[in-house]
Amino acid sequence: MKSLSNSRITAVFFTLTLLCIPLSGQAADRQRAFVEEVLSGDTVRLAGGKILKYAGLESPPLQHIIPLVRAYGKNAKAYNESLVLKKNIWIEWGSRLRDRRNNLLGYVYLENGVFVNLELLKAGHARPRLTPPNLTHSEPFKKAALDAQRNALGLWKETPKNPFLKEEYIGEKNTKIFYLPNSPELERIPQANLVTFRSRVEAMAAKYKPCASCRESASYDD
């Protein structure tokens, strides 16, 4: 009886092991989710409350001191909504699972196979933000952005006038800290206290120190 019992236990264990093996195909390396709300051109809220940031790109912010950037941010959000709002998606995870704000980071696909991250770049509603170790799709992302720029699509329409695309930084005179032009911290700073620098080198030469997001940008941008 003891031997029979052990055999049954072994059989049950073997069956459970089989059930735990991932299925081949899409479900093996991607996780399904439902988009409850679109927060911006590159960020969504999933059913259950988790916030997902699209990996490998950055859309113009909805809050910015310059109206043109806000307008591009609004367009990017609308385009993102047209793709994913109230839809099931598949998330492909990279090596880095969360950003510095602790939001999830992932590559998003629709059920019909459309690669959402890439579509945003193709339409010019985002620019590449390639942060190691999540560099899986670097080359197609760069190519899509270059094509959008050549065709003057989305935020590339008025490149010379668009500070979101320029290598410039905004400093606060009182604290001697400088920020990226799309940093949300700038919303609380009076316009009279702001000064513009053409580069990080210029800002640091003026004895300004980088904000946390500026330090991360210098560490991770490709």
C-alpha atoms as a PDB file:
ATOM      1  CA  MET A   1       0.000   0.000   0.000  1.00  0.00           C
ATOM      2  CA  LYS A   2       2.820   2.349   0.833  1.00  0.00           C
ATOM      3  CA  SER A   3       4.389   1.793  -2.587  1.00  0.00           C
ATOM      4  CA  LEU A   4       1.048   2.447  -4.317  1.00  0.00           C
ATOM      5  CA  SER A   5       0.576   5.640  -2.333  1.00  0.00           C
ATOM      6  CA  ASN A   6       4.015   6.898  -3.346  1.00  0.00           C
ATOM      7  CA  SER A   7       3.254   6.136  -7.001  1.00  0.00           C
ATOM      8  CA  ARG A   8       0.057   8.142  -6.831  1.00  0.00           C
ATOM      9  CA  ILE A   9       1.860  11.053  -5.211  1.00  0.00           C
ATOM     10  CA  THR A  10       4.482  10.963  -7.954  1.00  0.00           C
ATOM     11  CA  ALA A  11       1.800  10.921 -10.658  1.00  0.00           C
ATOM     12  CA  VAL A  12      -0.021  13.893  -9.127  1.00  0.00           C
ATOM     13  CA  PHE A  13       3.232  15.844  -8.827  1.00  0.00           C
ATOM     14  CA  PHE A  14       4.108  15.107 -12.475  1.00  0.00           C
ATOM     15  CA  THR A  15       0.661  16.300 -13.611  1.00  0.00           C
ATOM     16  CA  LEU A  16       0.927  19.550 -11.644  1.00  0.00           C
ATOM     17  CA  THR A  17       4.378  20.158 -13.095  1.00  0.00           C
ATOM     18  CA  LEU A  18       2.991  19.866 -16.613  1.00  0.00           C
ATOM     19  CA  LEU A  19       0.260  22.376 -15.812  1.00  0.00           C
ATOM     20  CA  CYS A  20       2.862  24.889 -14.710  1.00  0.00           C
ATOM     21  CA  ILE A  21       4.827  24.745 -17.972  1.00  0.00           C
ATOM     22  CA  PRO A  22       4.093  27.897 -20.090  1.00  0.00           C
ATOM     23  CA  LEU A  23       2.272  27.335 -23.345  1.00  0.00           C
ATOM     24  CA  SER A  24       4.162  28.005 -26.537  1.00  0.00           C
ATOM     25  CA  GLY A  25       3.457  31.141 -28.567  1.00  0.00           C
ATOM     26  CA  GLN A  26       2.199  34.530 -27.468  1.00  0.00           C
ATOM     27  CA  ALA A  27       1.155  33.537 -23.949  1.00  0.00           C
ATOM     28  CA  ALA A  28       4.618  32.189 -23.173  1.00  0.00           C
ATOM     29  CA  ASP A  29       6.443  35.538 -23.105  1.00  0.00           C
ATOM     30  CA  ARG A  30       3.652  38.118 -22.789  1.00  0.00           C
ATOM     31  CA  GLN A  31       1.107  38.915 -20.128  1.00  0.00           C
ATOM     32  CA  ARG A  32      -2.473  39.862 -20.901  1.00  0.00           C
ATOM     33  CA  ALA A  33      -4.045  42.983 -19.376  1.00  0.00           C
ATOM     34  CA  PHE A  34      -6.943  45.413 -19.876  1.00  0.00           C
ATOM     35  CA  VAL A  35      -6.470  49.171 -20.324  1.00  0.00           C
ATOM     36  CA  GLU A  36      -8.869  50.979 -18.016  1.00  0.00           C
ATOM     37  CA  GLU A  37      -7.620  54.533 -18.644  1.00  0.00           C
ATOM     38  CA  VAL A  38      -5.092  56.338 -20.840  1.00  0.00           C
ATOM     39  CA  LEU A  39      -3.085  58.821 -18.775  1.00  0.00           C
ATOM     40  CA  SER A  40      -0.828  60.243 -21.503  1.00  0.00           C
ATOM     41  CA  GLY A  41       0.761  59.388 -24.815  1.00  0.00           C
ATOM     42  CA  ASP A  42       2.994  56.799 -23.186  1.00  0.00           C
ATOM     43  CA  THR A  43       1.248  55.781 -19.963  1.00  0.00           C
ATOM     44  CA  VAL A  44      -1.929  53.837 -19.127  1.00  0.00           C
ATOM     45  CA  ARG A  45      -3.767  52.594 -16.075  1.00  0.00           C
ATOM     46  CA  LEU A  46      -4.555  48.897 -16.159  1.00  0.00           C
ATOM     47  CA  ALA A  47      -7.562  47.150 -14.661  1.00  0.00           C
ATOM     48  CA  GLY A  48      -6.695  46.697 -10.993  1.00  0.00           C
ATOM     49  CA  GLY A  49      -4.985  50.083 -10.742  1.00  0.00           C
ATOM     50  CA  LYS A  50      -1.423  49.342 -11.864  1.00  0.00           C
ATOM     51  CA  ILE A  51       0.194  52.055 -14.005  1.00  0.00           C
ATOM     52  CA  LEU A  52       2.107  50.935 -17.092  1.00  0.00           C
ATOM     53  CA  LYS A  53       4.676  53.149 -18.834  1.00  0.00           C
ATOM     54  CA  TYR A  54       5.607  52.189 -22.380  1.00  0.00           C
ATOM     55  CA  ALA A  55       9.262  51.173 -22.532  1.00  0.00           C
ATOM     56  CA  GLY A  56      11.670  52.673 -25.038  1.00  0.00           C
ATOM     57  CA  LEU A  57       9.877  55.945 -25.763  1.00  0.00           C
ATOM     58  CA  GLU A  58       8.694  59.237 -24.315  1.00  0.00           C
ATOM     59  CA  SER A  59       5.680  61.312 -25.349  1.00  0.00           C
ATOM     60  CA  PRO A  60       5.322  65.063 -24.750  1.00  0.00           C
ATOM     61  CA  PRO A  61       3.871  65.800 -21.298  1.00  0.00           C
ATOM     62  CA  LEU A  62       0.353  67.116 -20.785  1.00  0.00           C
ATOM     63  CA  GLN A  63       1.669  69.634 -18.246  1.00  0.00           C
ATOM     64  CA  HIS A  64       4.430  71.904 -19.537  1.00  0.00           C
ATOM     65  CA  ILE A  65       5.356  75.555 -19.300  1.00  0.00           C
ATOM     66  CA  ILE A  66       5.200  75.893 -23.112  1.00  0.00           C
ATOM     67  CA  PRO A  67       1.799  75.612 -24.898  1.00  0.00           C
ATOM     68  CA  LEU A  68       3.214  73.893 -27.998  1.00  0.00           C
ATOM     69  CA  VAL A  69       4.522  70.973 -25.934  1.00  0.00           C
ATOM     70  CA  ARG A  70       1.179  70.674 -24.126  1.00  0.00           C
ATOM     71  CA  ALA A  71      -0.596  70.560 -27.493  1.00  0.00           C
ATOM     72  CA  TYR A  72       1.657  67.761 -28.726  1.00  0.00           C
ATOM     73  CA  GLY A  73       1.083  65.928 -25.458  1.00  0.00           C
ATOM     74  CA  LYS A  74      -2.679  66.174 -25.920  1.00  0.00           C
ATOM     75  CA  ASN A  75      -2.395  64.809 -29.468  1.00  0.00           C
ATOM     76  CA  ALA A  76      -0.230  61.920 -28.273  1.00  0.00           C
ATOM     77  CA  LYS A  77      -2.729  61.014 -25.570  1.00  0.00           C
ATOM     78  CA  ALA A  78      -5.619  61.057 -28.070  1.00  0.00           C
ATOM     79  CA  TYR A  79      -3.693  58.784 -30.424  1.00  0.00           C
ATOM     80  CA  ASN A  80      -2.841  56.394 -27.601  1.00  0.00           C
ATOM     81  CA  GLU A  81      -6.522  56.313 -26.617  1.00  0.00           C
ATOM     82  CA  SER A  82      -7.492  55.415 -30.178  1.00  0.00           C
ATOM     83  CA  LEU A  83      -5.166  52.425 -29.976  1.00  0.00           C
ATOM     84  CA  VAL A  84      -5.649  50.918 -26.521  1.00  0.00           C
ATOM     85  CA  LEU A  85      -8.471  52.456 -24.453  1.00  0.00           C
ATOM     86  CA  LYS A  86     -10.864  49.828 -23.049  1.00  0.00           C
ATOM     87  CA  LYS A  87      -9.038  47.079 -24.914  1.00  0.00           C
ATOM     88  CA  ASN A  88      -7.171  43.926 -24.007  1.00  0.00           C
ATOM     89  CA  ILE A  89      -3.436  44.163 -24.569  1.00  0.00           C
ATOM     90  CA  TRP A  90      -0.419  41.890 -24.327  1.00  0.00           C
ATOM     91  CA  ILE A  91       2.599  43.166 -22.372  1.00  0.00           C
ATOM     92  CA  GLU A  92       6.130  42.056 -23.193  1.00  0.00           C
ATOM     93  CA  TRP A  93       8.478  42.670 -20.276  1.00  0.00           C
ATOM     94  CA  GLY A  94      12.088  43.794 -20.546  1.00  0.00           C
ATOM     95  CA  SER A  95      14.890  43.191 -18.052  1.00  0.00           C
ATOM     96  CA  ARG A  96      14.003  46.373 -16.192  1.00  0.00           C
ATOM     97  CA  LEU A  97      10.433  46.032 -14.931  1.00  0.00           C
ATOM     98  CA  ARG A  98       9.868  49.464 -13.328  1.00  0.00           C
ATOM     99  CA  ASP A  99      10.877  53.076 -13.923  1.00  0.00           C
ATOM    100  CA  ARG A 100      12.189  55.485 -11.295  1.00  0.00           C
ATOM    101  CA  ARG A 101       8.614  56.370 -10.291  1.00  0.00           C
ATOM    102  CA  ASN A 102       7.939  52.656  -9.675  1.00  0.00           C
ATOM    103  CA  ASN A 103       5.553  52.375 -12.642  1.00  0.00           C
ATOM    104  CA  LEU A 104       5.601  49.167 -14.641  1.00  0.00           C
ATOM    105  CA  LEU A 105       7.647  49.268 -17.863  1.00  0.00           C
ATOM    106  CA  GLY A 106       6.623  47.203 -20.863  1.00  0.00           C
ATOM    107  CA  TYR A 107       6.198  46.787 -24.605  1.00  0.00           C
ATOM    108  CA  VAL A 108       2.523  46.735 -25.556  1.00  0.00           C
ATOM    109  CA  TYR A 109       0.778  44.764 -28.294  1.00  0.00           C
ATOM    110  CA  LEU A 110      -2.859  44.700 -29.346  1.00  0.00           C
ATOM    111  CA  GLU A 111      -4.607  41.369 -29.771  1.00  0.00           C
ATOM    112  CA  ASN A 112      -4.255  41.720 -33.569  1.00  0.00           C
ATOM    113  CA  GLY A 113      -0.464  41.975 -33.201  1.00  0.00           C
ATOM    114  CA  VAL A 114      -0.083  45.758 -33.602  1.00  0.00           C
ATOM    115  CA  PHE A 115       2.988  46.945 -31.652  1.00  0.00           C
ATOM    116  CA  VAL A 116       1.700  50.035 -29.826  1.00  0.00           C
ATOM    117  CA  ASN A 117       5.094  51.448 -28.805  1.00  0.00           C
ATOM    118  CA  LEU A 118       6.261  51.338 -32.407  1.00  0.00           C
ATOM    119  CA  GLU A 119       3.004  52.834 -33.741  1.00  0.00           C
ATOM    120  CA  LEU A 120       3.392  55.879 -31.491  1.00  0.00           C
ATOM    121  CA  LEU A 121       6.902  56.455 -32.815  1.00  0.00           C
ATOM    122  CA  LYS A 122       5.826  55.930 -36.436  1.00  0.00           C
ATOM    123  CA  ALA A 123       3.064  58.529 -36.040  1.00  0.00           C
ATOM    124  CA  GLY A 124       5.452  61.031 -34.456  1.00  0.00           C
ATOM    125  CA  HIS A 125       3.704  61.093 -31.090  1.00  0.00           C
ATOM    126  CA  ALA A 126       6.811  60.067 -29.158  1.00  0.00           C
ATOM    127  CA  ARG A 127      10.576  60.135 -29.332  1.00  0.00           C
ATOM    128  CA  PRO A 128      12.853  57.204 -28.432  1.00  0.00           C
ATOM    129  CA  ARG A 129      14.019  56.994 -24.825  1.00  0.00           C
ATOM    130  CA  LEU A 130      16.291  53.976 -24.821  1.00  0.00           C
ATOM    131  CA  THR A 131      17.245  53.068 -21.281  1.00  0.00           C
ATOM    132  CA  PRO A 132      19.505  50.072 -20.556  1.00  0.00           C
ATOM    133  CA  PRO A 133      18.937  47.244 -20.038  1.00  0.00           C
ATOM    134  CA  ASN A 134      15.643  47.543 -22.013  1.00  0.00           C
ATOM    135  CA  LEU A 135      17.130  47.870 -25.489  1.00  0.00           C
ATOM    136  CA  THR A 136      15.349  44.977 -27.221  1.00  0.00           C
ATOM    137  CA  HIS A 137      13.648  47.115 -29.884  1.00  0.00           C
ATOM    138  CA  SER A 138      16.218  49.922 -30.165  1.00  0.00           C
ATOM    139  CA  GLU A 139      16.847  49.733 -33.891  1.00  0.00           C
ATOM    140  CA  PRO A 140      13.205  49.696 -35.104  1.00  0.00           C
ATOM    141  CA  PHE A 141      12.396  52.448 -32.592  1.00  0.00           C
ATOM    142  CA  LYS A 142      15.193  54.662 -33.914  1.00  0.00           C
ATOM    143  CA  LYS A 143      14.195  54.006 -37.512  1.00  0.00           C
ATOM    144  CA  ALA A 144      10.515  54.778 -36.834  1.00  0.00           C
ATOM    145  CA  ALA A 145      11.417  58.081 -35.167  1.00  0.00           C
ATOM    146  CA  LEU A 146      13.748  59.011 -38.011  1.00  0.00           C
ATOM    147  CA  ASP A 147      11.033  58.304 -40.595  1.00  0.00           C
ATOM    148  CA  ALA A 148       8.537  60.405 -38.614  1.00  0.00           C
ATOM    149  CA  GLN A 149      11.060  63.228 -38.415  1.00  0.00           C
ATOM    150  CA  ARG A 150      11.746  63.105 -42.165  1.00  0.00           C
ATOM    151  CA  ASN A 151       8.008  63.234 -42.866  1.00  0.00           C
ATOM    152  CA  ALA A 152       7.395  65.991 -40.269  1.00  0.00           C
ATOM    153  CA  LEU A 153       4.781  63.936 -38.415  1.00  0.00           C
ATOM    154  CA  GLY A 154       3.375  64.696 -34.978  1.00  0.00           C
ATOM    155  CA  LEU A 155       5.816  66.409 -32.660  1.00  0.00           C
ATOM    156  CA  TRP A 156       8.380  66.574 -35.481  1.00  0.00           C
ATOM    157  CA  LYS A 157       6.165  68.994 -37.439  1.00  0.00           C
ATOM    158  CA  GLU A 158       7.849  72.082 -36.017  1.00  0.00           C
ATOM    159  CA  THR A 159      11.142  70.661 -34.807  1.00  0.00           C
ATOM    160  CA  PRO A 160      13.050  73.989 -34.617  1.00  0.00           C
ATOM    161  CA  LYS A 161      10.334  75.485 -32.400  1.00  0.00           C
ATOM    162  CA  ASN A 162       9.685  72.441 -30.231  1.00  0.00           C
ATOM    163  CA  PRO A 163      11.611  72.597 -26.919  1.00  0.00           C
ATOM    164  CA  PHE A 164      10.607  68.991 -26.173  1.00  0.00           C
ATOM    165  CA  LEU A 165      13.106  67.932 -28.836  1.00  0.00           C
ATOM    166  CA  LYS A 166      15.878  70.369 -28.014  1.00  0.00           C
ATOM    167  CA  GLU A 167      18.880  69.673 -25.828  1.00  0.00           C
ATOM    168  CA  GLU A 168      18.143  72.459 -23.377  1.00  0.00           C
ATOM    169  CA  TYR A 169      17.588  72.691 -19.644  1.00  0.00           C
ATOM    170  CA  ILE A 170      15.629  74.986 -17.356  1.00  0.00           C
ATOM    171  CA  GLY A 171      17.241  76.190 -14.140  1.00  0.00           C
ATOM    172  CA  GLU A 172      15.693  77.574 -10.950  1.00  0.00           C
ATOM    173  CA  LYS A 173      17.592  80.640  -9.783  1.00  0.00           C
ATOM    174  CA  ASN A 174      16.919  80.192  -6.057  1.00  0.00           C
ATOM    175  CA  THR A 175      17.881  76.525  -5.645  1.00  0.00           C
ATOM    176  CA  LYS A 176      20.494  76.429  -8.429  1.00  0.00           C
ATOM    177  CA  ILE A 177      18.971  73.193  -9.743  1.00  0.00           C
ATOM    178  CA  PHE A 178      18.359  72.574 -13.446  1.00  0.00           C
ATOM    179  CA  TYR A 179      15.609  70.441 -14.996  1.00  0.00           C
ATOM    180  CA  LEU A 180      14.647  68.877 -18.294  1.00  0.00           C
ATOM    181  CA  PRO A 181      12.107  71.130 -20.087  1.00  0.00           C
ATOM    182  CA  ASN A 182       9.363  68.525 -19.543  1.00  0.00           C
ATOM    183  CA  SER A 183      10.019  68.020 -15.818  1.00  0.00           C
ATOM    184  CA  PRO A 184       6.779  68.230 -13.789  1.00  0.00           C
ATOM    185  CA  GLU A 185       8.713  70.030 -11.032  1.00  0.00           C
ATOM    186  CA  LEU A 186       8.710  73.165 -13.202  1.00  0.00           C
ATOM    187  CA  GLU A 187       4.951  73.588 -12.729  1.00  0.00           C
ATOM    188  CA  ARG A 188       5.442  74.842  -9.164  1.00  0.00           C
ATOM    189  CA  ILE A 189       8.213  77.346 -10.016  1.00  0.00           C
ATOM    190  CA  PRO A 190       7.311  80.960 -10.931  1.00  0.00           C
ATOM    191  CA  GLN A 191       8.324  81.953 -14.460  1.00  0.00           C
ATOM    192  CA  ALA A 192      10.469  84.797 -13.106  1.00  0.00           C
ATOM    193  CA  ASN A 193      12.684  82.295 -11.280  1.00  0.00           C
ATOM    194  CA  LEU A 194      13.540  80.289 -14.413  1.00  0.00           C
ATOM    195  CA  VAL A 195      16.610  80.515 -16.604  1.00  0.00           C
ATOM    196  CA  THR A 196      17.332  78.530 -19.802  1.00  0.00           C
ATOM    197  CA  PHE A 197      20.605  76.761 -20.583  1.00  0.00           C
ATOM    198  CA  ARG A 198      21.540  75.418 -24.015  1.00  0.00           C
ATOM    199  CA  SER A 199      23.232  72.311 -22.605  1.00  0.00           C
ATOM    200  CA  ARG A 200      24.082  70.400 -19.433  1.00  0.00           C
ATOM    201  CA  VAL A 201      27.639  71.698 -19.694  1.00  0.00           C
ATOM    202  CA  GLU A 202      26.422  75.306 -19.733  1.00  0.00           C
ATOM    203  CA  ALA A 203      24.149  74.705 -16.725  1.00  0.00           C
ATOM    204  CA  MET A 204      26.869  73.026 -14.677  1.00  0.00           C
ATOM    205  CA  ALA A 205      29.390  75.714 -15.624  1.00  0.00           C
ATOM    206  CA  ALA A 206      26.956  78.211 -14.054  1.00  0.00           C
ATOM    207  CA  LYS A 207      27.148  76.173 -10.797  1.00  0.00           C
ATOM    208  CA  TYR A 208      23.706  74.589 -11.234  1.00  0.00           C
ATOM    209  CA  LYS A 209      23.150  70.977 -10.168  1.00  0.00           C
ATOM    210  CA  PRO A 210      20.975  68.443 -12.066  1.00  0.00           C
ATOM    211  CA  CYS A 211      17.629  67.334 -10.671  1.00  0.00           C
ATOM    212  CA  ALA A 212      17.045  63.608 -10.050  1.00  0.00           C
ATOM    213  CA  SER A 213      15.437  63.000 -13.462  1.00  0.00           C
ATOM    214  CA  CYS A 214      18.269  64.873 -15.217  1.00  0.00           C
ATOM    215  CA  ARG A 215      20.827  62.639 -13.520  1.00  0.00           C
ATOM    216  CA  GLU A 216      18.915  59.527 -14.633  1.00  0.00           C
ATOM    217  CA  SER A 217      18.609  60.866 -18.166  1.00  0.00           C
ATOM    218  CA  ALA A 218      22.361  61.308 -18.372  1.00  0.00           C
ATOM    219  CA  SER A 219      22.886  57.760 -17.096  1.00  0.00           C
ATOM    220  CA  TYR A 220      20.382  55.938 -19.272  1.00  0.00           C
ATOM    221  CA  ASP A 221      19.727  57.791 -22.540  1.00  0.00           C
ATOM    222  CA  ASP A 222      21.179  56.050 -25.590  1.00  0.00           C
END
